[in-house]
C-alpha cells in the first residue's frame, strides 16, 4: 500500500512527505465518487485541503503508468472470484467510472484477492488500485457495490445476485469463466459493447430498450 497518514497527525504527514514528496492526495476518510478529493502540490495547498476536508486522510500520489482499475471481489463459502475493469473516471465532476473495459490482468486480480483475504472480507467488495511502475498499488477498499455493478453483471459476474442468495442461505454455483469481454460507457444511460457496437440493455432500462434482446 502507498504511504498514508491521518490528516490530523502532523508528524505522520511529515513522514509521508519525507518518503514521497509532493504531490500528495487529501481526501475524506469516508466518502464516495471521489468527492472532496484534492491533489496538492505544496504546503500552502496542503494546509488548505486539510482545513476544508472532514476527517482528512493523506495519501501518497500514485502514478497511473498502467492505468486505474476497479476490481470486484466476491467471497463466500462455495467460491471466491474477482473481475477487473480498467476504467476512466469523469474528468470534471464525478469519481464514478464513465468508461470501463474488462481487463483481467492476472497481477491486478490476484492483488485484489490478496487484499480481500488479508482483511477477511466476505461477500462483495470493490478494490480500487493503480497499476504503477512498481506494480499494483491500493487506492481504497469499498465494502459495498460500486458503480460498475451493472457492468460486472453484463459480463457474467453477478455479485449483487450472489449476495442476496448468500444472505438467504442459498447455495451459489461457481460462475462460468471466462467472463464476457465488454466495454462500458456511461452517458444519460449506461451502454455496453460486446464487440459489435454500443447498445442499451433492456434489463437495465426496459422502457427505453424493449426491442433489444440482451439475454
Foldseek 3Di string as FASTA:
>chain_A
DFQKDFLVDPVSVVVSCVVANDFKWKAAPDDDFCPLIDTDGDDVRSVVSSVPHDRIMIGGDADQPPAKKKKKWAADPVDIDIWIWRFDADPPDTSAGQKTWTDPDPLVRVVVVVVCVVVVDHAIKIWIWGQGPVGTDTDDIGNDDGPCQVVCVLQFNNRVVVRVCVVVVHDDDDTDDDTQTWMWGDDVHIWIDSPPDTDDDCVVPVVVPVPDDSD
